[in-house]
N, C-alpha and C. Protein backbone atom coordinates (compact mmCIF):
# COMPACT_ATOMS: atom_id res chain seq x y z
N UNK A 1 0.84 -1.20 0.00
CA UNK A 1 0.00 0.00 0.00
C UNK A 1 0.86 1.24 0.00
N UNK A 2 1.87 1.24 0.90
CA UNK A 2 2.76 2.40 0.99
C UNK A 2 3.54 2.56 -0.31
N UNK A 3 3.95 1.39 -0.89
CA UNK A 3 4.71 1.47 -2.15
C UNK A 3 3.85 2.06 -3.26
N UNK A 4 2.55 1.69 -3.23
CA UNK A 4 1.64 2.21 -4.26
C UNK A 4 1.50 3.71 -4.14
N UNK A 5 1.36 4.23 -2.90
CA UNK A 5 1.25 5.67 -2.68
C UNK A 5 2.51 6.40 -3.11
N UNK A 6 3.64 5.78 -2.81
CA UNK A 6 4.91 6.39 -3.18
C UNK A 6 5.04 6.48 -4.70
N UNK A 7 4.60 5.41 -5.36
CA UNK A 7 4.67 5.41 -6.82
C UNK A 7 3.80 6.53 -7.42
N UNK A 8 2.58 6.67 -6.81
CA UNK A 8 1.69 7.71 -7.28
C UNK A 8 2.31 9.09 -7.08
N UNK A 9 2.93 9.26 -5.89
CA UNK A 9 3.57 10.55 -5.60
C UNK A 9 4.72 10.80 -6.54
N UNK A 10 5.49 9.72 -6.79
CA UNK A 10 6.64 9.85 -7.69
C UNK A 10 6.18 10.18 -9.11
N UNK A 11 5.12 9.49 -9.53
CA UNK A 11 4.58 9.75 -10.88
C UNK A 11 4.04 11.17 -11.00
N UNK A 12 3.36 11.61 -9.92
CA UNK A 12 2.83 12.97 -9.92
C UNK A 12 3.95 13.99 -10.00
N UNK A 13 5.05 13.71 -9.25
CA UNK A 13 6.19 14.63 -9.29
C UNK A 13 6.83 14.68 -10.65
N UNK A 14 6.95 13.49 -11.27
CA UNK A 14 7.51 13.46 -12.63
C UNK A 14 6.62 14.20 -13.62
N UNK A 15 5.29 14.05 -13.43
CA UNK A 15 4.34 14.75 -14.30
C UNK A 15 4.47 16.25 -14.17
N UNK A 16 4.64 16.73 -12.93
CA UNK A 16 4.80 18.17 -12.70
C UNK A 16 6.10 18.68 -13.33
N UNK A 17 7.16 17.86 -13.16
CA UNK A 17 8.44 18.26 -13.77
C UNK A 17 8.32 18.35 -15.29
N UNK A 18 7.64 17.35 -15.88
CA UNK A 18 7.46 17.35 -17.33
C UNK A 18 6.66 18.57 -17.78
N UNK A 19 5.61 18.91 -17.00
CA UNK A 19 4.78 20.06 -17.32
C UNK A 19 5.58 21.35 -17.23
N UNK A 20 6.40 21.44 -16.16
CA UNK A 20 7.24 22.63 -15.99
C UNK A 20 8.23 22.77 -17.14
N UNK A 21 8.79 21.61 -17.56
CA UNK A 21 9.74 21.62 -18.65
C UNK A 21 9.09 22.10 -19.94
N UNK A 22 7.84 21.61 -20.19
CA UNK A 22 7.12 22.03 -21.38
C UNK A 22 6.81 23.53 -21.34
N UNK A 23 6.39 24.01 -20.15
CA UNK A 23 6.09 25.44 -20.00
C UNK A 23 7.33 26.28 -20.24
N UNK A 24 8.46 25.77 -19.73
CA UNK A 24 9.72 26.50 -19.91
C UNK A 24 10.09 26.58 -21.38
N UNK A 25 9.92 25.44 -22.08
CA UNK A 25 10.23 25.41 -23.50
C UNK A 25 9.33 26.36 -24.29
N UNK A 26 8.02 26.37 -23.93
CA UNK A 26 7.09 27.28 -24.59
C UNK A 26 7.48 28.73 -24.36
N UNK A 27 7.86 29.03 -23.09
CA UNK A 27 8.24 30.39 -22.74
C UNK A 27 9.47 30.83 -23.52
N UNK A 28 10.47 29.93 -23.61
CA UNK A 28 11.67 30.26 -24.35
C UNK A 28 11.39 30.42 -25.84
N UNK A 29 10.46 29.58 -26.36
CA UNK A 29 10.08 29.69 -27.77
C UNK A 29 9.38 31.01 -28.05
N UNK A 30 8.50 31.41 -27.12
CA UNK A 30 7.79 32.68 -27.27
C UNK A 30 8.76 33.84 -27.24
N UNK A 31 9.75 33.78 -26.31
CA UNK A 31 10.75 34.84 -26.23
C UNK A 31 11.55 34.93 -27.54
N UNK A 32 11.87 33.73 -28.10
CA UNK A 32 12.63 33.71 -29.36
C UNK A 32 11.84 34.36 -30.48
N UNK A 33 10.53 34.03 -30.55
CA UNK A 33 9.68 34.60 -31.59
C UNK A 33 9.59 36.11 -31.44
N UNK A 34 9.37 36.57 -30.19
CA UNK A 34 9.26 38.00 -29.93
C UNK A 34 10.56 38.71 -30.28
N UNK A 35 11.70 38.12 -29.88
CA UNK A 35 12.99 38.72 -30.17
C UNK A 35 13.22 38.80 -31.67
N UNK A 36 12.83 37.72 -32.39
CA UNK A 36 12.98 37.71 -33.84
C UNK A 36 12.16 38.82 -34.50
N UNK A 37 10.91 38.98 -34.01
CA UNK A 37 10.05 40.01 -34.55
C UNK A 37 10.62 41.41 -34.29
N UNK A 38 11.12 41.62 -33.08
CA UNK A 38 11.69 42.92 -32.72
C UNK A 38 12.91 43.23 -33.58
N UNK A 39 13.79 42.22 -33.72
CA UNK A 39 14.98 42.42 -34.53
C UNK A 39 14.62 42.68 -35.99
N UNK A 40 13.61 41.95 -36.48
CA UNK A 40 13.17 42.16 -37.86
C UNK A 40 12.65 43.57 -38.05
N UNK A 41 11.90 44.04 -37.04
CA UNK A 41 11.36 45.40 -37.11
C UNK A 41 12.47 46.42 -37.23
N UNK A 42 13.51 46.26 -36.38
CA UNK A 42 14.60 47.24 -36.40
C UNK A 42 15.42 47.12 -37.67
N UNK A 43 15.63 45.87 -38.15
CA UNK A 43 16.42 45.69 -39.37
C UNK A 43 15.70 46.28 -40.56
N UNK A 44 14.38 45.93 -40.69
CA UNK A 44 13.61 46.45 -41.81
C UNK A 44 13.48 47.96 -41.71
N UNK A 45 13.20 48.44 -40.49
CA UNK A 45 13.10 49.89 -40.29
C UNK A 45 14.39 50.59 -40.59
N UNK A 46 15.50 49.96 -40.17
CA UNK A 46 16.81 50.56 -40.43
C UNK A 46 17.11 50.62 -41.91
N UNK A 47 16.81 49.52 -42.63
CA UNK A 47 17.04 49.52 -44.07
C UNK A 47 16.16 50.53 -44.77
N UNK A 48 14.90 50.61 -44.29
CA UNK A 48 13.99 51.59 -44.88
C UNK A 48 14.49 53.00 -44.67
N UNK A 49 14.95 53.29 -43.47
CA UNK A 49 15.48 54.62 -43.17
C UNK A 49 16.73 54.91 -43.99
N UNK A 50 17.60 53.87 -44.07
CA UNK A 50 18.82 54.06 -44.87
C UNK A 50 18.47 54.33 -46.32
N UNK A 51 17.50 53.56 -46.85
CA UNK A 51 17.10 53.75 -48.23
C UNK A 51 16.53 55.13 -48.46
N UNK A 52 15.71 55.59 -47.53
CA UNK A 52 15.10 56.92 -47.66
C UNK A 52 16.16 57.99 -47.71
N UNK A 53 17.08 57.96 -46.72
CA UNK A 53 18.09 59.00 -46.68
C UNK A 53 19.09 58.86 -47.82
N UNK A 54 19.33 57.63 -48.25
CA UNK A 54 20.26 57.45 -49.35
C UNK A 54 19.71 58.10 -50.62
N UNK A 55 18.46 57.80 -50.95
CA UNK A 55 17.84 58.39 -52.14
C UNK A 55 17.66 59.88 -51.97
N UNK A 56 17.15 60.26 -50.79
CA UNK A 56 16.83 61.66 -50.54
C UNK A 56 18.08 62.52 -50.60
N UNK A 57 19.15 62.04 -49.92
CA UNK A 57 20.36 62.84 -49.87
C UNK A 57 21.10 62.84 -51.20
N UNK A 58 21.03 61.73 -51.92
CA UNK A 58 21.70 61.72 -53.22
C UNK A 58 21.01 62.70 -54.16
N UNK A 59 19.67 62.79 -54.03
CA UNK A 59 18.93 63.75 -54.85
C UNK A 59 19.22 65.16 -54.42
N UNK A 60 19.50 65.34 -53.11
CA UNK A 60 19.72 66.68 -52.59
C UNK A 60 21.11 67.21 -52.92
N UNK A 61 22.03 66.30 -53.33
CA UNK A 61 23.39 66.74 -53.61
C UNK A 61 23.47 67.31 -55.03
N UNK A 62 22.82 68.46 -55.20
CA UNK A 62 22.75 69.10 -56.51
C UNK A 62 23.72 70.28 -56.55
N UNK A 63 24.61 70.25 -57.52
CA UNK A 63 25.53 71.38 -57.72
C UNK A 63 25.13 72.09 -59.00
N UNK A 64 24.82 73.36 -58.87
CA UNK A 64 24.42 74.12 -60.05
C UNK A 64 25.59 74.25 -61.01
N UNK A 65 25.34 74.13 -62.30
CA UNK A 65 26.42 74.31 -63.27
C UNK A 65 26.88 75.76 -63.30
N UNK A 66 28.08 75.96 -63.74
CA UNK A 66 28.59 77.32 -63.88
C UNK A 66 27.93 78.00 -65.08
N UNK A 67 28.05 79.31 -65.15
CA UNK A 67 27.50 80.05 -66.29
C UNK A 67 28.13 79.56 -67.60
N UNK A 68 29.42 79.26 -67.55
CA UNK A 68 30.10 78.77 -68.75
C UNK A 68 29.54 77.43 -69.19
N UNK A 69 29.29 76.54 -68.22
CA UNK A 69 28.75 75.22 -68.54
C UNK A 69 27.33 75.33 -69.12
N UNK A 70 26.53 76.22 -68.55
CA UNK A 70 25.17 76.41 -69.06
C UNK A 70 25.20 76.95 -70.48
N UNK A 71 26.03 77.96 -70.71
CA UNK A 71 26.12 78.57 -72.03
C UNK A 71 26.58 77.56 -73.07
N UNK A 72 27.58 76.76 -72.71
CA UNK A 72 28.10 75.75 -73.62
C UNK A 72 27.05 74.67 -73.91
N UNK A 73 26.29 74.28 -72.87
CA UNK A 73 25.25 73.27 -73.06
C UNK A 73 24.13 73.79 -73.94
N UNK A 74 23.79 75.07 -73.79
CA UNK A 74 22.77 75.67 -74.65
C UNK A 74 23.21 75.67 -76.11
N UNK A 75 24.49 76.00 -76.33
CA UNK A 75 25.01 76.04 -77.69
C UNK A 75 25.08 74.65 -78.31
N UNK A 76 25.62 73.70 -77.56
CA UNK A 76 25.83 72.35 -78.11
C UNK A 76 24.52 71.61 -78.33
N UNK A 77 23.53 71.88 -77.49
CA UNK A 77 22.24 71.18 -77.62
C UNK A 77 21.27 71.90 -78.54
N UNK A 78 21.56 73.18 -78.79
CA UNK A 78 20.65 73.98 -79.60
C UNK A 78 19.38 74.37 -78.85
N UNK A 79 19.42 74.23 -77.55
CA UNK A 79 18.26 74.56 -76.69
C UNK A 79 18.64 75.66 -75.72
N UNK A 80 17.93 76.76 -75.78
CA UNK A 80 18.20 77.87 -74.86
C UNK A 80 17.29 77.77 -73.65
N UNK A 81 17.81 78.23 -72.51
CA UNK A 81 17.01 78.32 -71.29
C UNK A 81 16.53 79.75 -71.05
N UNK A 82 17.36 80.70 -71.45
CA UNK A 82 17.08 82.10 -71.16
C UNK A 82 16.91 82.90 -72.46
N UNK A 83 16.07 83.94 -72.36
CA UNK A 83 15.93 84.91 -73.45
C UNK A 83 16.20 86.29 -72.85
N UNK A 84 17.43 86.58 -72.55
CA UNK A 84 17.75 87.85 -71.88
C UNK A 84 17.64 89.03 -72.82
N UNK A 85 17.50 90.19 -72.25
CA UNK A 85 17.51 91.45 -72.99
C UNK A 85 18.52 92.36 -72.30
N UNK A 86 18.73 93.52 -72.88
CA UNK A 86 19.64 94.48 -72.25
C UNK A 86 19.09 94.90 -70.89
N UNK A 87 17.78 95.11 -70.85
CA UNK A 87 17.15 95.54 -69.59
C UNK A 87 17.04 94.39 -68.58
N UNK A 88 16.88 93.18 -69.10
CA UNK A 88 16.72 92.01 -68.22
C UNK A 88 17.75 90.95 -68.61
N UNK A 89 18.97 91.08 -68.11
CA UNK A 89 20.01 90.09 -68.41
C UNK A 89 19.74 88.76 -67.68
N UNK A 90 20.54 87.76 -68.01
CA UNK A 90 20.34 86.43 -67.43
C UNK A 90 20.42 86.45 -65.91
N UNK A 91 21.34 87.24 -65.37
CA UNK A 91 21.48 87.32 -63.91
C UNK A 91 20.21 87.85 -63.25
N UNK A 92 19.52 88.75 -63.95
CA UNK A 92 18.28 89.29 -63.41
C UNK A 92 17.16 88.25 -63.46
N UNK A 93 17.14 87.45 -64.51
CA UNK A 93 16.15 86.37 -64.60
C UNK A 93 16.37 85.37 -63.46
N UNK A 94 17.63 85.03 -63.23
CA UNK A 94 17.95 84.11 -62.14
C UNK A 94 17.56 84.70 -60.79
N UNK A 95 17.81 85.99 -60.63
CA UNK A 95 17.45 86.65 -59.37
C UNK A 95 15.94 86.61 -59.15
N UNK A 96 15.18 86.81 -60.21
CA UNK A 96 13.72 86.80 -60.08
C UNK A 96 13.21 85.41 -59.70
N UNK A 97 13.86 84.37 -60.22
CA UNK A 97 13.49 83.00 -59.84
C UNK A 97 13.73 82.80 -58.35
N UNK A 98 14.85 83.31 -57.86
CA UNK A 98 15.14 83.22 -56.42
C UNK A 98 14.13 83.99 -55.59
N UNK A 99 13.74 85.18 -56.05
CA UNK A 99 12.76 86.00 -55.32
C UNK A 99 11.43 85.27 -55.20
N UNK A 100 10.98 84.65 -56.30
CA UNK A 100 9.72 83.91 -56.28
C UNK A 100 9.83 82.70 -55.35
N UNK A 101 10.98 82.03 -55.38
CA UNK A 101 11.19 80.90 -54.48
C UNK A 101 11.09 81.33 -53.03
N UNK A 102 11.74 82.43 -52.69
CA UNK A 102 11.70 82.92 -51.32
C UNK A 102 10.27 83.33 -50.93
N UNK A 103 9.52 83.83 -51.88
CA UNK A 103 8.11 84.16 -51.62
C UNK A 103 7.37 82.91 -51.17
N UNK A 104 7.55 81.80 -51.90
CA UNK A 104 6.86 80.56 -51.53
C UNK A 104 7.37 79.99 -50.22
N UNK A 105 8.66 80.19 -49.96
CA UNK A 105 9.18 79.77 -48.65
C UNK A 105 8.42 80.46 -47.53
N UNK A 106 8.21 81.74 -47.70
CA UNK A 106 7.50 82.52 -46.67
C UNK A 106 6.02 82.17 -46.60
N UNK A 107 5.43 81.84 -47.74
CA UNK A 107 4.00 81.53 -47.78
C UNK A 107 3.68 80.13 -47.28
N UNK A 108 4.50 79.15 -47.67
CA UNK A 108 4.15 77.75 -47.42
C UNK A 108 5.16 76.98 -46.59
N UNK A 109 6.35 77.54 -46.40
CA UNK A 109 7.40 76.83 -45.69
C UNK A 109 7.11 76.65 -44.21
N UNK A 110 7.88 75.73 -43.59
CA UNK A 110 7.75 75.47 -42.15
C UNK A 110 6.32 75.13 -41.77
N UNK A 111 5.70 74.28 -42.59
CA UNK A 111 4.36 73.74 -42.32
C UNK A 111 3.25 74.79 -42.43
N UNK A 112 3.55 75.96 -42.99
CA UNK A 112 2.51 76.98 -43.15
C UNK A 112 1.44 76.53 -44.14
N UNK A 113 1.81 75.65 -45.06
CA UNK A 113 0.85 75.20 -46.07
C UNK A 113 -0.36 74.52 -45.44
N UNK A 114 -0.17 73.88 -44.26
CA UNK A 114 -1.27 73.15 -43.63
C UNK A 114 -2.37 74.09 -43.13
N UNK A 115 -2.05 75.38 -42.98
CA UNK A 115 -3.03 76.36 -42.52
C UNK A 115 -3.34 77.41 -43.58
N UNK A 116 -2.90 77.13 -44.80
CA UNK A 116 -3.04 78.11 -45.88
C UNK A 116 -4.46 78.09 -46.43
N UNK A 117 -5.09 79.25 -46.46
CA UNK A 117 -6.45 79.37 -46.96
C UNK A 117 -6.44 80.05 -48.33
N UNK A 118 -6.85 79.31 -49.34
CA UNK A 118 -6.81 79.82 -50.72
C UNK A 118 -7.70 81.04 -50.88
N UNK A 119 -8.88 80.99 -50.30
CA UNK A 119 -9.85 82.07 -50.49
C UNK A 119 -9.30 83.40 -49.99
N UNK A 120 -8.71 83.40 -48.80
CA UNK A 120 -8.19 84.65 -48.24
C UNK A 120 -6.90 85.10 -48.93
N UNK A 121 -6.21 84.16 -49.58
CA UNK A 121 -4.94 84.50 -50.24
C UNK A 121 -5.09 84.72 -51.74
N UNK A 122 -6.29 84.66 -52.26
CA UNK A 122 -6.49 84.81 -53.71
C UNK A 122 -5.90 86.11 -54.26
N UNK A 123 -6.09 87.26 -53.60
CA UNK A 123 -5.47 88.48 -54.13
C UNK A 123 -3.95 88.38 -54.24
N UNK A 124 -3.32 87.77 -53.25
CA UNK A 124 -1.86 87.60 -53.29
C UNK A 124 -1.47 86.64 -54.41
N UNK A 125 -2.24 85.58 -54.57
CA UNK A 125 -1.96 84.62 -55.64
C UNK A 125 -2.11 85.26 -57.01
N UNK A 126 -3.08 86.12 -57.15
CA UNK A 126 -3.26 86.84 -58.42
C UNK A 126 -2.05 87.71 -58.72
N UNK A 127 -1.54 88.39 -57.70
CA UNK A 127 -0.37 89.26 -57.88
C UNK A 127 0.88 88.47 -58.25
N UNK A 128 1.10 87.36 -57.55
CA UNK A 128 2.32 86.58 -57.84
C UNK A 128 2.21 85.91 -59.20
N UNK A 129 1.01 85.55 -59.60
CA UNK A 129 0.80 84.97 -60.93
C UNK A 129 1.13 86.00 -62.01
N UNK A 130 0.71 87.23 -61.81
CA UNK A 130 1.01 88.30 -62.77
C UNK A 130 2.51 88.55 -62.83
N UNK A 131 3.17 88.56 -61.67
CA UNK A 131 4.63 88.75 -61.64
C UNK A 131 5.35 87.66 -62.42
N UNK A 132 4.96 86.41 -62.18
CA UNK A 132 5.61 85.30 -62.88
C UNK A 132 5.35 85.39 -64.39
N UNK A 133 4.11 85.71 -64.75
CA UNK A 133 3.72 85.77 -66.16
C UNK A 133 4.41 86.93 -66.90
N UNK A 134 4.59 88.05 -66.21
CA UNK A 134 5.13 89.24 -66.87
C UNK A 134 6.64 89.43 -66.68
N UNK A 135 7.16 88.95 -65.56
CA UNK A 135 8.56 89.25 -65.24
C UNK A 135 9.52 88.07 -65.41
N UNK A 136 8.95 86.86 -65.61
CA UNK A 136 9.82 85.70 -65.82
C UNK A 136 9.52 85.00 -67.14
N UNK A 137 8.25 84.69 -67.39
CA UNK A 137 7.88 83.90 -68.56
C UNK A 137 8.40 84.47 -69.88
N UNK A 138 8.36 85.79 -70.12
CA UNK A 138 8.84 86.30 -71.43
C UNK A 138 10.34 86.13 -71.63
N UNK A 139 11.08 85.83 -70.55
CA UNK A 139 12.54 85.82 -70.63
C UNK A 139 13.14 84.43 -70.50
N UNK A 140 12.30 83.41 -70.62
CA UNK A 140 12.81 82.04 -70.53
C UNK A 140 12.38 81.25 -71.75
N UNK A 141 13.07 80.13 -72.00
CA UNK A 141 12.79 79.31 -73.18
C UNK A 141 13.02 77.84 -72.84
N UNK A 142 12.70 76.99 -73.80
CA UNK A 142 12.98 75.56 -73.65
C UNK A 142 12.38 74.95 -72.41
N UNK A 143 13.12 74.06 -71.74
CA UNK A 143 12.60 73.39 -70.55
C UNK A 143 12.30 74.34 -69.40
N UNK A 144 13.02 75.44 -69.32
CA UNK A 144 12.75 76.41 -68.26
C UNK A 144 11.39 77.08 -68.49
N UNK A 145 11.07 77.37 -69.73
CA UNK A 145 9.75 77.93 -70.05
C UNK A 145 8.65 76.93 -69.68
N UNK A 146 8.89 75.65 -69.97
CA UNK A 146 7.93 74.60 -69.62
C UNK A 146 7.67 74.57 -68.12
N UNK A 147 8.73 74.70 -67.33
CA UNK A 147 8.59 74.70 -65.87
C UNK A 147 7.78 75.89 -65.38
N UNK A 148 8.06 77.05 -65.93
CA UNK A 148 7.33 78.26 -65.52
C UNK A 148 5.86 78.15 -65.91
N UNK A 149 5.60 77.63 -67.11
CA UNK A 149 4.21 77.43 -67.54
C UNK A 149 3.49 76.42 -66.65
N UNK A 150 4.19 75.37 -66.25
CA UNK A 150 3.59 74.39 -65.34
C UNK A 150 3.26 75.01 -63.99
N UNK A 151 4.14 75.88 -63.52
CA UNK A 151 3.90 76.56 -62.25
C UNK A 151 2.65 77.45 -62.34
N UNK A 152 2.51 78.16 -63.44
CA UNK A 152 1.34 79.02 -63.63
C UNK A 152 0.04 78.21 -63.70
N UNK A 153 0.11 77.06 -64.36
CA UNK A 153 -1.07 76.18 -64.43
C UNK A 153 -1.46 75.69 -63.04
N UNK A 154 -0.48 75.40 -62.22
CA UNK A 154 -0.77 74.92 -60.86
C UNK A 154 -1.39 76.02 -59.99
N UNK A 155 -0.95 77.25 -60.20
CA UNK A 155 -1.57 78.36 -59.45
C UNK A 155 -3.04 78.49 -59.85
N UNK A 156 -3.31 78.41 -61.15
CA UNK A 156 -4.69 78.48 -61.64
C UNK A 156 -5.51 77.33 -61.06
N UNK A 157 -4.94 76.15 -61.05
CA UNK A 157 -5.65 74.98 -60.53
C UNK A 157 -5.93 75.12 -59.04
N UNK A 158 -4.98 75.69 -58.32
CA UNK A 158 -5.16 75.90 -56.88
C UNK A 158 -6.32 76.85 -56.61
N UNK A 159 -6.40 77.91 -57.40
CA UNK A 159 -7.47 78.88 -57.20
C UNK A 159 -8.84 78.30 -57.57
N UNK A 160 -8.88 77.53 -58.65
CA UNK A 160 -10.16 76.98 -59.09
C UNK A 160 -10.65 75.86 -58.19
N UNK A 161 -9.72 75.09 -57.63
CA UNK A 161 -10.10 73.98 -56.76
C UNK A 161 -10.10 74.36 -55.28
N UNK A 162 -9.55 75.56 -54.98
CA UNK A 162 -9.40 76.01 -53.60
C UNK A 162 -8.63 75.00 -52.76
N UNK A 163 -7.61 74.42 -53.39
CA UNK A 163 -6.75 73.44 -52.72
C UNK A 163 -5.31 73.94 -52.70
N UNK A 164 -4.63 73.70 -51.60
CA UNK A 164 -3.25 74.15 -51.46
C UNK A 164 -2.27 73.19 -52.14
N UNK A 165 -2.71 71.98 -52.45
CA UNK A 165 -1.81 70.97 -53.01
C UNK A 165 -1.09 71.44 -54.27
N UNK A 166 -1.80 72.04 -55.25
CA UNK A 166 -1.06 72.51 -56.44
C UNK A 166 0.01 73.55 -56.11
N UNK A 167 -0.25 74.36 -55.07
CA UNK A 167 0.74 75.38 -54.69
C UNK A 167 2.01 74.74 -54.13
N UNK A 168 1.86 73.61 -53.48
CA UNK A 168 3.04 72.89 -53.02
C UNK A 168 3.89 72.48 -54.22
N UNK A 169 3.21 72.14 -55.32
CA UNK A 169 3.94 71.82 -56.54
C UNK A 169 4.65 73.03 -57.12
N UNK A 170 4.01 74.19 -57.05
CA UNK A 170 4.64 75.44 -57.51
C UNK A 170 5.89 75.72 -56.69
N UNK A 171 5.76 75.58 -55.38
CA UNK A 171 6.88 75.82 -54.48
C UNK A 171 8.05 74.90 -54.83
N UNK A 172 7.75 73.65 -55.09
CA UNK A 172 8.81 72.68 -55.39
C UNK A 172 9.48 72.99 -56.72
N UNK A 173 8.71 73.46 -57.69
CA UNK A 173 9.30 73.83 -58.98
C UNK A 173 10.33 74.95 -58.80
N UNK A 174 9.94 76.01 -58.10
CA UNK A 174 10.87 77.13 -57.91
C UNK A 174 12.01 76.78 -56.97
N UNK A 175 11.75 75.90 -56.04
CA UNK A 175 12.81 75.41 -55.15
C UNK A 175 13.89 74.71 -55.97
N UNK A 176 13.46 73.78 -56.83
CA UNK A 176 14.42 73.04 -57.65
C UNK A 176 15.13 73.94 -58.65
N UNK A 177 14.39 74.88 -59.23
CA UNK A 177 15.02 75.81 -60.19
C UNK A 177 16.08 76.66 -59.50
N UNK A 178 15.78 77.09 -58.29
CA UNK A 178 16.74 77.90 -57.54
C UNK A 178 18.01 77.10 -57.26
N UNK A 179 17.85 75.81 -56.98
CA UNK A 179 19.02 74.96 -56.73
C UNK A 179 19.79 74.70 -58.02
N UNK A 180 19.06 74.43 -59.10
CA UNK A 180 19.71 74.07 -60.36
C UNK A 180 20.38 75.24 -61.05
N UNK A 181 19.80 76.45 -60.91
CA UNK A 181 20.29 77.61 -61.66
C UNK A 181 21.05 78.61 -60.82
N UNK A 182 20.78 78.64 -59.52
CA UNK A 182 21.39 79.66 -58.65
C UNK A 182 22.26 79.08 -57.55
N UNK A 183 22.42 77.75 -57.57
CA UNK A 183 23.22 77.09 -56.54
C UNK A 183 22.66 77.33 -55.14
N UNK A 184 21.34 77.45 -55.05
CA UNK A 184 20.67 77.56 -53.75
C UNK A 184 20.90 76.26 -52.98
N UNK A 185 21.29 76.38 -51.73
CA UNK A 185 21.62 75.21 -50.92
C UNK A 185 20.44 74.81 -50.05
N UNK A 186 20.08 73.54 -50.11
CA UNK A 186 18.99 73.01 -49.29
C UNK A 186 19.22 71.52 -49.09
N UNK A 187 18.53 70.96 -48.11
CA UNK A 187 18.69 69.54 -47.81
C UNK A 187 17.76 68.66 -48.63
N UNK A 188 16.87 69.27 -49.42
CA UNK A 188 15.95 68.47 -50.21
C UNK A 188 15.92 68.97 -51.65
N UNK A 189 15.73 68.03 -52.55
CA UNK A 189 15.61 68.33 -53.97
C UNK A 189 14.52 67.42 -54.51
N UNK A 190 13.48 68.01 -55.11
CA UNK A 190 12.29 67.23 -55.46
C UNK A 190 12.39 66.58 -56.83
N UNK A 191 13.30 67.05 -57.68
CA UNK A 191 13.47 66.48 -59.02
C UNK A 191 12.17 66.54 -59.82
N UNK A 192 11.55 67.73 -59.84
CA UNK A 192 10.25 67.89 -60.51
C UNK A 192 10.32 68.82 -61.73
N UNK A 193 11.51 69.27 -62.10
CA UNK A 193 11.60 70.24 -63.19
C UNK A 193 12.20 69.64 -64.46
N UNK A 194 11.72 70.14 -65.59
CA UNK A 194 12.31 69.76 -66.87
C UNK A 194 13.71 70.36 -67.01
N UNK A 195 13.91 71.51 -66.39
CA UNK A 195 15.23 72.15 -66.42
C UNK A 195 16.27 71.27 -65.75
N UNK A 196 15.93 70.73 -64.59
CA UNK A 196 16.86 69.85 -63.88
C UNK A 196 17.20 68.62 -64.70
N UNK A 197 16.21 68.04 -65.34
CA UNK A 197 16.45 66.86 -66.18
C UNK A 197 17.32 67.22 -67.38
N UNK A 198 17.08 68.41 -67.96
CA UNK A 198 17.88 68.86 -69.09
C UNK A 198 19.34 69.05 -68.68
N UNK A 199 19.56 69.68 -67.53
CA UNK A 199 20.92 69.89 -67.04
C UNK A 199 21.62 68.56 -66.79
N UNK A 200 20.89 67.64 -66.21
CA UNK A 200 21.47 66.31 -65.94
C UNK A 200 21.88 65.63 -67.24
N UNK A 201 21.07 65.78 -68.26
CA UNK A 201 21.36 65.14 -69.54
C UNK A 201 22.48 65.83 -70.30
N UNK A 202 22.44 67.15 -70.35
CA UNK A 202 23.37 67.91 -71.20
C UNK A 202 24.70 68.24 -70.54
N UNK A 203 24.71 68.30 -69.22
CA UNK A 203 25.92 68.77 -68.53
C UNK A 203 26.55 67.70 -67.64
N UNK A 204 25.74 67.02 -66.86
CA UNK A 204 26.29 66.13 -65.84
C UNK A 204 26.68 64.77 -66.37
N UNK A 205 26.12 64.37 -67.52
CA UNK A 205 26.48 63.06 -68.05
C UNK A 205 27.88 63.07 -68.66
């Protein structure tokens, strides 16, 4: 009788040990799975971040060509960017592009676009549209003219739709033009202009 009780106790103890061992194995397996998931998250996140900054920064490393390089590219390609006059030389056209860019920086930069109201800003948009149409468009040609025309279309679209999104596109066009033509320094380059693509093809290759 006593031996039978001892056997039962011994069997029960072995059963508890086996159960504890199984629980321990499950716990260690769960920890392994969780650790794997966490590491995967950081690895994937790290690669994603690296990829973002790699592409972003490589695009941002834009060096404007010199005046000599631009002039030579215009001659060799047969495509002009500027139509300067005595009253409005090329340097003045470039300055006006910078002025318009700085205008958009003040209007939409530093997250101001999220609170920008088209209706209340329509008079200002009308004025800047007239400035671009009268003071820049007549003095540009080729891909640069295409960019300016695209910017004007986006201003019109913004006013008709009462949406700020097209204006963000206008801002990016002048931002990129300022970097490509005036060596404006910034940490971002949107690669949205025909002028930038033309420069890359005719000068940087």
